[in-house]
């Protein structure tokens, strides 16, 4: 995304709905010189700015207005602001809450290049689901293949062969056919048996697709031994977006049973992977359950490596999204006569339809695939970032830009009645399962990302600088 220098500007009437000045209110200040000067740490990546995400959301909107005034195509394009300080702080929080458990970031959640480099610089491992993700992680440099778990129990044979070529040995399995494939093309692999866990307390449940029931485990271990394969540990996944952390206790108890089964089969397991599903608001509660259960079921764990696969926990609240209202539909009264739409209220039923330039085929695919509900905030209205709390509100709906009627972002939401085409809506907590699955359906482009570090982010910047100085990440 092109980042234009920001100076106080006068926006022509044609660029916004009504003639206003962006600088008329203190909230419309473009940011300090320090915040507007980006630092190039990696030659292949955009500059890294400083300052609160709100500053860069506003700067991005002002840049869009400049481009609109210059008649630049797609001037009002939606964009993300990523605050890498949040990723860094989440990592520190993880280390405090779960000091024994090594985080292996779930790349599938958000394979952002800055996020991968920051976590690599902090010593995190990576949970990869494909050769593409393995290649992406290894391409940044500085990541030993031993820090990667190929955490997909059902892999294409060519992907197993590719992992072997890349030096990635640790991989999961949950069925006999997978063992035959691995024995053929990667016989030196270090295998982790994925067991079925109770995922009834999670938003996204995986048990219907992955995980070996306990009664099947002895058969799988016998076959692995017969094929001369090395099984080193156990993994499970309680589901993505786990809202009841107590479920981890049952999963760890099951893992203990499988460790004992492994010993009877002639294996000495050395790894326990407690999977993912970690919610930002519930980490401390989950950590309490996990730490207690591990102490209870694995009291003598000196030779056992503990790992996990957090994804959304790291990135969800680090990314914010700014979208432009590109169209508006409201019912018209018979006598409006002026060409001005008049919203007709009918209780709380949505009366005004707003169309924005991101939808469920893009960043909001999280609504379809990740069962998320999003809530918009008004970023700018009538050319101003100062939104009065006294604005009259109307029941509204928000729609994406494509020609598909399924492309609905918000079914019913209260928004200011005065919102018009050209105003901007923002969405927080947009870092997980958004960018990674966005498409170009109908020819719409993917939204760009502006990167910043907010207060307390110098440690994150320094970690990235050291990583670059060591010759990695370029």
Protein backbone atom coordinates (compact mmCIF):
# COMPACT_ATOMS: atom_id res chain seq x y z
CA UNK A 1 0.00 0.00 0.00
CA UNK A 2 1.48 3.37 -1.01
CA UNK A 3 2.02 5.57 2.04
CA UNK A 4 1.81 9.25 1.15
CA UNK A 5 3.41 12.01 3.23
CA UNK A 6 0.81 13.66 5.42
CA UNK A 7 0.43 17.39 5.78
CA UNK A 8 -2.61 19.50 6.67
CA UNK A 9 -4.79 19.53 3.56
CA UNK A 10 -7.98 21.08 2.27
CA UNK A 11 -10.29 18.40 0.91
CA UNK A 12 -12.36 19.50 -2.11
CA UNK A 13 -16.12 19.15 -1.96
CA UNK A 14 -15.93 16.36 -4.55
CA UNK A 15 -13.75 14.24 -2.29
CA UNK A 16 -16.25 14.00 0.56
CA UNK A 17 -19.98 14.27 0.97
CA UNK A 18 -20.01 17.85 2.23
CA UNK A 19 -17.32 20.49 2.39
CA UNK A 20 -15.46 20.11 5.68
CA UNK A 21 -11.94 20.52 6.99
CA UNK A 22 -10.14 17.49 8.41
CA UNK A 23 -8.01 19.79 10.57
CA UNK A 24 -10.85 21.77 12.11
CA UNK A 25 -11.10 19.53 15.18
CA UNK A 26 -8.22 18.33 17.40
CA UNK A 27 -9.27 14.73 16.73
CA UNK A 28 -8.44 15.28 13.07
CA UNK A 29 -4.74 16.01 13.63
CA UNK A 30 -2.70 13.78 11.28
CA UNK A 31 -0.24 12.56 13.94
CA UNK A 32 3.22 13.59 15.06
CA UNK A 33 6.26 13.57 12.79
CA UNK A 34 7.64 10.62 14.74
CA UNK A 35 4.45 8.64 14.15
CA UNK A 36 4.38 9.44 10.43
CA UNK A 37 7.98 8.46 9.72
CA UNK A 38 8.19 4.75 9.02
CA UNK A 39 11.26 2.60 9.66
CA UNK A 40 12.41 0.12 7.03
CA UNK A 41 13.65 -2.96 8.88
CA UNK A 42 13.17 -5.55 6.14
CA UNK A 43 13.71 -4.50 2.53
CA UNK A 44 10.91 -6.75 1.29
CA UNK A 45 8.28 -5.43 3.72
CA UNK A 46 6.42 -2.12 4.15
CA UNK A 47 7.77 0.40 6.66
CA UNK A 48 7.00 -0.01 10.36
CA UNK A 49 5.43 3.08 11.93
CA UNK A 50 5.02 4.16 15.53
CA UNK A 51 1.89 5.24 17.36
CA UNK A 52 -1.53 4.01 18.36
CA UNK A 53 -3.49 2.18 15.64
CA UNK A 54 -6.15 4.93 15.81
CA UNK A 55 -3.58 7.41 14.50
CA UNK A 56 -2.85 5.27 11.46
CA UNK A 57 -6.49 4.47 10.80
CA UNK A 58 -7.06 8.21 10.55
CA UNK A 59 -3.95 8.78 8.47
CA UNK A 60 -5.04 6.05 6.09
CA UNK A 61 -8.45 7.67 5.71
CA UNK A 62 -6.87 11.06 5.04
CA UNK A 63 -4.56 9.49 2.44
CA UNK A 64 -7.61 7.95 0.81
CA UNK A 65 -9.20 11.40 0.60
CA UNK A 66 -6.07 12.79 -1.06
CA UNK A 67 -6.15 9.98 -3.60
CA UNK A 68 -9.86 10.53 -4.23
CA UNK A 69 -9.18 14.21 -4.87
CA UNK A 70 -6.59 13.14 -7.44
CA UNK A 71 -9.11 10.76 -9.08
CA UNK A 72 -6.98 7.69 -8.30
CA UNK A 73 -8.76 4.38 -8.95
CA UNK A 74 -9.83 2.53 -5.79
CA UNK A 75 -8.79 5.51 -3.68
CA UNK A 76 -11.14 4.48 -0.89
CA UNK A 77 -9.77 0.93 -0.66
CA UNK A 78 -10.23 -0.76 2.73
CA UNK A 79 -7.08 -1.33 4.80
CA UNK A 80 -5.83 -2.96 7.98
CA UNK A 81 -3.69 -1.47 10.72
CA UNK A 82 -1.57 -4.06 12.54
CA UNK A 83 -0.17 -3.21 15.97
CA UNK A 84 2.84 -5.49 16.49
CA UNK A 85 3.08 -4.37 20.10
CA UNK A 86 -0.03 -6.43 20.77
CA UNK A 87 1.61 -9.55 19.32
CA UNK A 88 4.71 -8.97 21.46
CA UNK A 89 2.66 -8.39 24.63
CA UNK A 90 0.61 -11.53 24.00
CA UNK A 91 3.83 -13.52 23.74
CA UNK A 92 5.03 -12.15 27.08
CA UNK A 93 1.64 -12.95 28.57
CA UNK A 94 1.88 -16.52 27.30
CA UNK A 95 5.31 -16.96 28.88
CA UNK A 96 3.99 -15.71 32.21
CA UNK A 97 0.87 -17.90 32.21
CA UNK A 98 2.29 -21.08 30.67
CA UNK A 99 6.05 -20.96 31.30
CA UNK A 100 6.56 -24.69 30.69
CA UNK A 101 4.74 -24.79 27.36
CA UNK A 102 6.50 -23.71 24.16
CA UNK A 103 4.15 -21.83 21.82
CA UNK A 104 4.12 -23.02 18.21
CA UNK A 105 2.19 -20.32 16.37
CA UNK A 106 -0.60 -21.67 14.13
CA UNK A 107 0.45 -20.14 10.81
CA UNK A 108 -2.95 -20.87 9.27
CA UNK A 109 -4.52 -18.25 11.55
CA UNK A 110 -2.67 -15.33 9.98
CA UNK A 111 0.54 -15.89 7.98
CA UNK A 112 1.41 -12.19 8.06
CA UNK A 113 5.11 -11.66 7.22
CA UNK A 114 5.74 -9.24 10.09
CA UNK A 115 3.98 -11.52 12.59
CA UNK A 116 6.04 -14.52 11.48
CA UNK A 117 9.29 -12.57 11.73
CA UNK A 118 8.46 -11.14 15.14
CA UNK A 119 7.51 -14.51 16.61
CA UNK A 120 10.56 -16.15 15.03
CA UNK A 121 12.76 -13.46 16.58
CA UNK A 122 11.19 -14.20 19.98
CA UNK A 123 12.00 -17.90 19.71
CA UNK A 124 8.51 -19.25 19.07
CA UNK A 125 7.94 -22.42 17.09
CA UNK A 126 5.42 -22.88 14.29
CA UNK A 127 2.46 -25.15 13.62
CA UNK A 128 2.24 -25.64 9.85
CA UNK A 129 -0.54 -27.39 7.95
CA UNK A 130 0.97 -27.58 4.45
CA UNK A 131 4.19 -27.40 2.46
CA UNK A 132 3.26 -23.83 1.58
CA UNK A 133 3.24 -22.80 5.23
CA UNK A 134 6.47 -24.71 5.91
CA UNK A 135 8.15 -22.95 2.98
CA UNK A 136 6.88 -19.56 4.12
CA UNK A 137 8.28 -20.02 7.63
CA UNK A 138 11.64 -21.38 6.47
CA UNK A 139 11.99 -18.67 3.81
CA UNK A 140 12.27 -15.90 6.40
CA UNK A 141 15.50 -17.45 7.68
CA UNK A 142 16.62 -18.11 11.20
CA UNK A 143 14.03 -20.82 11.87
CA UNK A 144 15.43 -24.30 12.39
CA UNK A 145 13.15 -27.00 10.91
CA UNK A 146 13.09 -28.53 14.39
CA UNK A 147 10.92 -25.59 15.49
CA UNK A 148 8.17 -26.68 13.09
CA UNK A 149 5.44 -29.26 13.67
CA UNK A 150 3.63 -30.44 10.53
CA UNK A 151 0.33 -30.51 12.43
CA UNK A 152 -1.96 -31.98 9.80
CA UNK A 153 -2.94 -35.63 10.42
CA UNK A 154 -3.98 -36.25 6.79
CA UNK A 155 -1.32 -35.07 4.34
CA UNK A 156 -0.67 -35.59 0.64
CA UNK A 157 2.22 -37.97 0.02
CA UNK A 158 4.07 -35.27 -1.89
CA UNK A 159 3.73 -32.95 1.12
CA UNK A 160 5.27 -35.58 3.41
CA UNK A 161 8.12 -35.96 0.94
CA UNK A 162 8.48 -32.18 0.80
CA UNK A 163 8.65 -31.95 4.58
CA UNK A 164 11.40 -34.57 4.61
CA UNK A 165 13.36 -32.60 2.03
CA UNK A 166 12.95 -29.43 4.12
CA UNK A 167 14.20 -31.20 7.24
CA UNK A 168 10.84 -31.09 9.03
CA UNK A 169 10.57 -34.35 10.94
CA UNK A 170 7.82 -33.78 13.52
CA UNK A 171 4.36 -34.49 12.13
CA UNK A 172 1.00 -35.71 13.36
CA UNK A 173 -1.06 -38.75 12.34
CA UNK A 174 -4.33 -40.35 13.42
CA UNK A 175 -4.89 -43.27 11.01
CA UNK A 176 -3.18 -46.34 9.58
CA UNK A 177 -3.03 -45.09 5.98
CA UNK A 178 -1.01 -42.09 7.10
CA UNK A 179 1.53 -44.42 8.69
CA UNK A 180 1.97 -46.32 5.43
CA UNK A 181 2.56 -43.08 3.51
CA UNK A 182 5.08 -41.81 6.05
CA UNK A 183 6.91 -45.15 6.14
CA UNK A 184 7.30 -44.97 2.35
CA UNK A 185 8.59 -41.42 1.91
CA UNK A 186 9.79 -40.16 5.33
CA UNK A 187 10.72 -43.19 7.47
CA UNK A 188 12.87 -41.07 9.82
CA UNK A 189 9.93 -38.83 10.79
CA UNK A 190 9.23 -38.11 14.45
CA UNK A 191 5.53 -38.88 14.79
CA UNK A 192 2.93 -37.43 17.13
CA UNK A 193 -0.33 -39.31 17.48
CA UNK A 194 -3.32 -36.98 17.50
CA UNK A 195 -6.07 -38.25 19.76
CA UNK A 196 -9.74 -37.37 19.84
CA UNK A 197 -10.62 -34.78 22.47
CA UNK A 198 -13.95 -33.49 23.70
CA UNK A 199 -14.46 -30.34 21.60
CA UNK A 200 -18.08 -29.70 22.58
CA UNK A 201 -17.11 -26.45 24.32
CA UNK A 202 -15.57 -24.77 21.26
CA UNK A 203 -16.88 -22.59 18.45
CA UNK A 204 -15.09 -24.56 15.72
CA UNK A 205 -15.09 -28.31 16.38
CA UNK A 206 -12.53 -30.60 14.73
CA UNK A 207 -13.38 -33.99 16.23
CA UNK A 208 -15.64 -34.90 13.33
CA UNK A 209 -12.58 -34.78 11.04
CA UNK A 210 -9.45 -35.46 13.11
CA UNK A 211 -8.32 -37.43 16.16
CA UNK A 212 -7.96 -41.11 17.00
CA UNK A 213 -10.37 -42.47 19.63
CA UNK A 214 -8.60 -44.02 22.62
CA UNK A 215 -9.75 -47.53 21.70
CA UNK A 216 -7.99 -47.22 18.31
CA UNK A 217 -4.69 -45.91 19.69
CA UNK A 218 -3.15 -49.32 20.59
CA UNK A 219 -3.79 -50.55 17.03
CA UNK A 220 -2.09 -47.47 15.56
CA UNK A 221 0.90 -47.77 17.87
CA UNK A 222 1.27 -51.46 17.05
CA UNK A 223 1.23 -50.67 13.33
CA UNK A 224 3.76 -47.83 13.77
CA UNK A 225 6.09 -50.21 15.62
CA UNK A 226 5.61 -52.84 12.91
CA UNK A 227 6.60 -50.25 10.28
CA UNK A 228 9.64 -49.26 12.35
CA UNK A 229 8.37 -45.69 12.77
CA UNK A 230 9.30 -43.49 15.72
CA UNK A 231 6.31 -42.13 17.63
CA UNK A 232 7.56 -39.48 20.06
CA UNK A 233 4.42 -38.06 21.61
CA UNK A 234 0.75 -37.16 21.78
CA UNK A 235 -1.30 -34.19 20.58
CA UNK A 236 -4.92 -33.14 20.85
CA UNK A 237 -7.06 -30.14 19.92
CA UNK A 238 -10.11 -29.09 21.94
CA UNK A 239 -11.39 -26.97 19.05
CA UNK A 240 -10.85 -23.40 17.96
CA UNK A 241 -12.33 -20.69 20.16
CA UNK A 242 -12.71 -22.79 23.32
CA UNK A 243 -15.12 -21.06 25.70
CA UNK A 244 -14.85 -23.56 28.57
CA UNK A 245 -11.19 -24.06 29.55
CA UNK A 246 -12.05 -26.88 31.97
CA UNK A 247 -12.21 -29.15 28.93
CA UNK A 248 -8.39 -29.19 28.82
CA UNK A 249 -8.31 -31.29 31.99
CA UNK A 250 -10.14 -34.16 30.30
CA UNK A 251 -7.90 -33.94 27.22
CA UNK A 252 -4.72 -34.07 29.31
CA UNK A 253 -6.09 -37.04 31.23
CA UNK A 254 -6.65 -38.83 27.91
CA UNK A 255 -3.12 -37.93 26.84
CA UNK A 256 -1.79 -39.53 30.02
CA UNK A 257 -3.59 -42.75 29.11
CA UNK A 258 -1.99 -42.68 25.66
CA UNK A 259 1.47 -42.11 27.17
CA UNK A 260 0.92 -45.30 29.16
CA UNK A 261 -0.28 -47.11 26.03
CA UNK A 262 2.87 -45.97 24.26
CA UNK A 263 5.06 -47.41 26.98
CA UNK A 264 3.28 -50.76 26.70
CA UNK A 265 3.86 -50.64 22.92
CA UNK A 266 7.58 -50.12 23.43
CA UNK A 267 7.76 -46.33 23.04
CA UNK A 268 9.08 -43.72 25.44
CA UNK A 269 7.12 -40.58 24.54
CA UNK A 270 8.90 -37.26 25.01
CA UNK A 271 6.39 -34.68 23.72
CA UNK A 272 2.91 -33.51 24.72
CA UNK A 273 1.16 -31.04 22.41
CA UNK A 274 -1.89 -29.46 24.07
CA UNK A 275 -3.10 -27.98 20.77
CA UNK A 276 -4.86 -24.67 20.29
CA UNK A 277 -8.23 -23.11 20.98
CA UNK A 278 -6.87 -20.40 23.28
CA UNK A 279 -9.13 -17.36 23.61
CA UNK A 280 -7.63 -13.99 24.51
CA UNK A 281 -10.11 -13.32 27.32
CA UNK A 282 -9.75 -16.80 28.82
CA UNK A 283 -6.02 -17.47 28.71
CA UNK A 284 -5.48 -17.15 32.45
CA UNK A 285 -8.38 -19.50 33.17
CA UNK A 286 -7.14 -22.02 30.60
CA UNK A 287 -3.59 -21.77 31.95
CA UNK A 288 -4.80 -22.54 35.47
CA UNK A 289 -6.57 -25.69 34.28
CA UNK A 290 -3.70 -26.82 32.04
CA UNK A 291 -0.95 -26.23 34.59
CA UNK A 292 -2.89 -28.08 37.28
CA UNK A 293 -3.76 -30.99 34.99
CA UNK A 294 -0.18 -31.37 33.77
CA UNK A 295 1.08 -31.43 37.35
CA UNK A 296 -1.60 -33.98 38.24
CA UNK A 297 -1.16 -36.37 35.31
CA UNK A 298 2.51 -35.75 34.51
CA UNK A 299 4.15 -35.15 37.90
CA UNK A 300 7.47 -36.59 36.69
CA UNK A 301 7.89 -34.77 33.38
CA UNK A 302 11.61 -34.00 33.29
CA UNK A 303 12.02 -35.70 29.92
CA UNK A 304 8.80 -34.43 28.36
CA UNK A 305 8.68 -31.40 26.07
CA UNK A 306 5.43 -29.45 26.37
CA UNK A 307 4.17 -27.48 23.36
CA UNK A 308 0.96 -25.79 22.19
CA UNK A 309 -0.47 -24.34 18.97
CA UNK A 310 -1.94 -20.89 19.77
CA UNK A 311 -3.13 -18.84 16.82
CA UNK A 312 -5.94 -16.34 17.35
CA UNK A 313 -4.62 -15.59 20.85
CA UNK A 314 -1.60 -13.87 19.30
CA UNK A 315 -3.15 -11.88 16.48
CA UNK A 316 -6.88 -11.34 16.92
CA UNK A 317 -6.80 -7.94 18.59
CA UNK A 318 -3.58 -6.83 16.88
CA UNK A 319 -5.38 -6.05 13.61
CA UNK A 320 -8.05 -3.40 12.96
CA UNK A 321 -9.87 -2.87 9.66
CA UNK A 322 -11.04 0.39 8.09
CA UNK A 323 -13.79 0.15 5.46
CA UNK A 324 -15.40 2.79 3.29
CA UNK A 325 -19.15 3.13 2.76
CA UNK A 326 -19.35 2.89 -1.03
CA UNK A 327 -23.14 2.80 -1.38
CA UNK A 328 -26.30 3.28 0.63
CA UNK A 329 -29.91 2.22 0.17
CA UNK A 330 -32.78 3.57 2.24
CA UNK A 331 -36.56 3.42 1.71
CA UNK A 332 -38.03 6.57 0.23
CA UNK A 333 -41.29 8.23 1.18
CA UNK A 334 -43.73 8.93 -1.63
CA UNK A 335 -43.47 12.66 -1.11
CA UNK A 336 -39.71 12.91 -0.56
CA UNK A 337 -39.46 14.54 -3.99
CA UNK A 338 -36.03 15.98 -3.30
CA UNK A 339 -33.97 12.97 -4.28
CA UNK A 340 -32.86 12.62 -0.67
CA UNK A 341 -33.53 9.18 0.83
CA UNK A 342 -35.63 9.18 3.96
CA UNK A 343 -35.20 6.19 6.26
CA UNK A 344 -38.52 4.77 7.38
CA UNK A 345 -38.20 3.20 10.81
CA UNK A 346 -40.16 0.10 11.76
CA UNK A 347 -39.15 -0.71 15.30
CA UNK A 348 -35.71 -2.30 15.39
CA UNK A 349 -35.88 -3.75 11.88
CA UNK A 350 -32.97 -2.58 9.69
CA UNK A 351 -34.12 0.25 7.44
CA UNK A 352 -30.87 1.51 5.91
CA UNK A 353 -28.51 -0.76 3.99
CA UNK A 354 -24.86 0.30 3.90
CA UNK A 355 -22.45 -1.26 1.42
CA UNK A 356 -18.75 -1.30 2.34
CA UNK A 357 -15.68 -2.31 0.36
CA UNK A 358 -14.91 -5.49 2.32
CA UNK A 359 -17.14 -8.52 2.67
CA UNK A 360 -17.45 -12.21 3.42
CA UNK A 361 -15.47 -13.12 0.30
CA UNK A 362 -12.65 -10.97 1.69
CA UNK A 363 -11.59 -10.22 5.25
CA UNK A 364 -15.02 -11.00 6.67
CA UNK A 365 -14.81 -14.63 5.62
CA UNK A 366 -14.40 -15.11 9.38
CA UNK A 367 -18.17 -14.69 9.62
CA UNK A 368 -18.73 -17.71 7.38
CA UNK A 369 -15.84 -19.98 8.36
CA UNK A 370 -14.93 -18.93 11.90
CA UNK A 371 -18.45 -18.24 13.22
CA UNK A 372 -17.52 -14.69 14.18
CA UNK A 373 -19.86 -11.75 14.83
CA UNK A 374 -18.42 -8.34 14.02
CA UNK A 375 -19.49 -4.92 15.26
CA UNK A 376 -18.64 -1.71 13.40
CA UNK A 377 -17.46 1.57 14.89
CA UNK A 378 -17.77 4.84 13.02
CA UNK A 379 -14.28 6.08 12.15
CA UNK A 380 -15.25 9.19 10.24
CA UNK A 381 -18.48 10.95 9.34
CA UNK A 382 -19.03 14.05 7.28
CA UNK A 383 -15.27 14.44 6.86
CA UNK A 384 -14.59 14.46 10.59
CA UNK A 385 -13.11 11.96 13.03
CA UNK A 386 -15.04 13.57 15.87
CA UNK A 387 -18.29 11.62 16.20
CA UNK A 388 -20.76 13.06 18.67
CA UNK A 389 -22.26 10.63 21.18
CA UNK A 390 -25.54 12.52 20.69
CA UNK A 391 -25.95 11.45 17.06
CA UNK A 392 -29.41 9.93 16.40
CA UNK A 393 -29.14 6.20 15.67
CA UNK A 394 -31.01 3.96 13.23
CA UNK A 395 -31.31 0.21 12.85
CA UNK A 396 -29.13 -0.66 9.86
CA UNK A 397 -27.54 -3.55 8.02
CA UNK A 398 -24.04 -3.69 6.52
CA UNK A 399 -23.22 -5.49 3.27
CA UNK A 400 -20.08 -6.37 1.34
CA UNK A 401 -19.24 -5.17 -2.19
CA UNK A 402 -19.82 -8.34 -4.24
CA UNK A 403 -22.87 -9.26 -6.29
CA UNK A 404 -23.72 -12.21 -4.03
CA UNK A 405 -26.62 -11.74 -1.61
CA UNK A 406 -24.84 -13.92 0.94
CA UNK A 407 -22.28 -11.13 1.30
CA UNK A 408 -23.75 -9.62 4.46
CA UNK A 409 -21.44 -8.35 7.21
CA UNK A 410 -23.96 -7.23 9.85
CA UNK A 411 -27.60 -8.32 9.86
CA UNK A 412 -28.77 -5.59 12.23
CA UNK A 413 -26.73 -2.90 13.94
CA UNK A 414 -27.39 0.58 15.31
CA UNK A 415 -25.54 3.25 13.31
CA UNK A 416 -25.81 7.06 13.16
CA UNK A 417 -28.72 8.13 10.97
CA UNK A 418 -26.53 10.72 9.25
CA UNK A 419 -24.04 8.21 7.84
CA UNK A 420 -23.59 8.63 4.11
CA UNK A 421 -21.51 7.39 1.19
CA UNK A 422 -17.86 8.26 1.77
CA UNK A 423 -17.93 7.78 5.54
CA UNK A 424 -15.76 5.09 7.15
CA UNK A 425 -16.57 2.17 9.44
CA UNK A 426 -13.95 0.38 11.54
CA UNK A 427 -13.80 -3.15 12.92
CA UNK A 428 -11.57 -4.30 15.78
CA UNK A 429 -10.21 -7.79 16.55
CA UNK A 430 -9.73 -8.62 12.88
CA UNK A 431 -6.42 -10.49 13.03
CA UNK A 432 -7.58 -14.11 13.18
CA UNK A 433 -8.82 -16.10 10.17
CA UNK A 434 -9.47 -12.99 8.08
CA UNK A 435 -6.61 -12.07 5.73
CA UNK A 436 -5.51 -15.69 5.40
CA UNK A 437 -8.71 -16.86 3.65
CA UNK A 438 -9.65 -13.69 1.74
CA UNK A 439 -10.30 -14.10 -1.99
CA UNK A 440 -10.47 -11.84 -5.05
CA UNK A 441 -14.02 -12.87 -5.93
CA UNK A 442 -15.69 -10.45 -8.37
CA UNK A 443 -12.26 -8.92 -9.02
CA UNK A 444 -11.96 -7.11 -5.70
CA UNK A 445 -8.43 -6.72 -4.38
CA UNK A 446 -7.14 -7.83 -0.99
CA UNK A 447 -6.89 -5.11 1.64
CA UNK A 448 -3.43 -3.73 2.40
CA UNK A 449 -1.86 -3.59 5.86
CA UNK A 450 -0.25 -0.62 7.63
CA UNK A 451 2.13 -1.70 10.41
CA UNK A 452 2.80 0.13 13.65
CA UNK A 453 4.01 -0.35 17.20
CA UNK A 454 2.01 1.39 19.89
CA UNK A 455 3.12 2.27 23.42
CA UNK A 456 5.49 -0.31 24.87
CA UNK A 457 6.56 -1.54 21.45
CA UNK A 458 10.28 -0.73 21.52
CA UNK A 459 11.08 -4.28 22.61
CA UNK A 460 9.21 -5.62 19.59
CA UNK A 461 11.04 -3.24 17.25
CA UNK A 462 14.39 -4.15 18.77
CA UNK A 463 13.66 -7.87 18.37
CA UNK A 464 12.90 -7.29 14.69
CA UNK A 465 16.02 -5.16 14.22
CA UNK A 466 18.24 -7.85 15.76
CA UNK A 467 16.59 -10.44 13.54
CA UNK A 468 17.36 -8.34 10.47
CA UNK A 469 20.94 -7.59 11.59
CA UNK A 470 21.51 -11.33 11.95
CA UNK A 471 20.67 -11.62 8.26
CA UNK A 472 17.16 -12.99 8.57
CA UNK A 473 13.78 -11.92 7.24
CA UNK A 474 14.83 -10.06 4.09
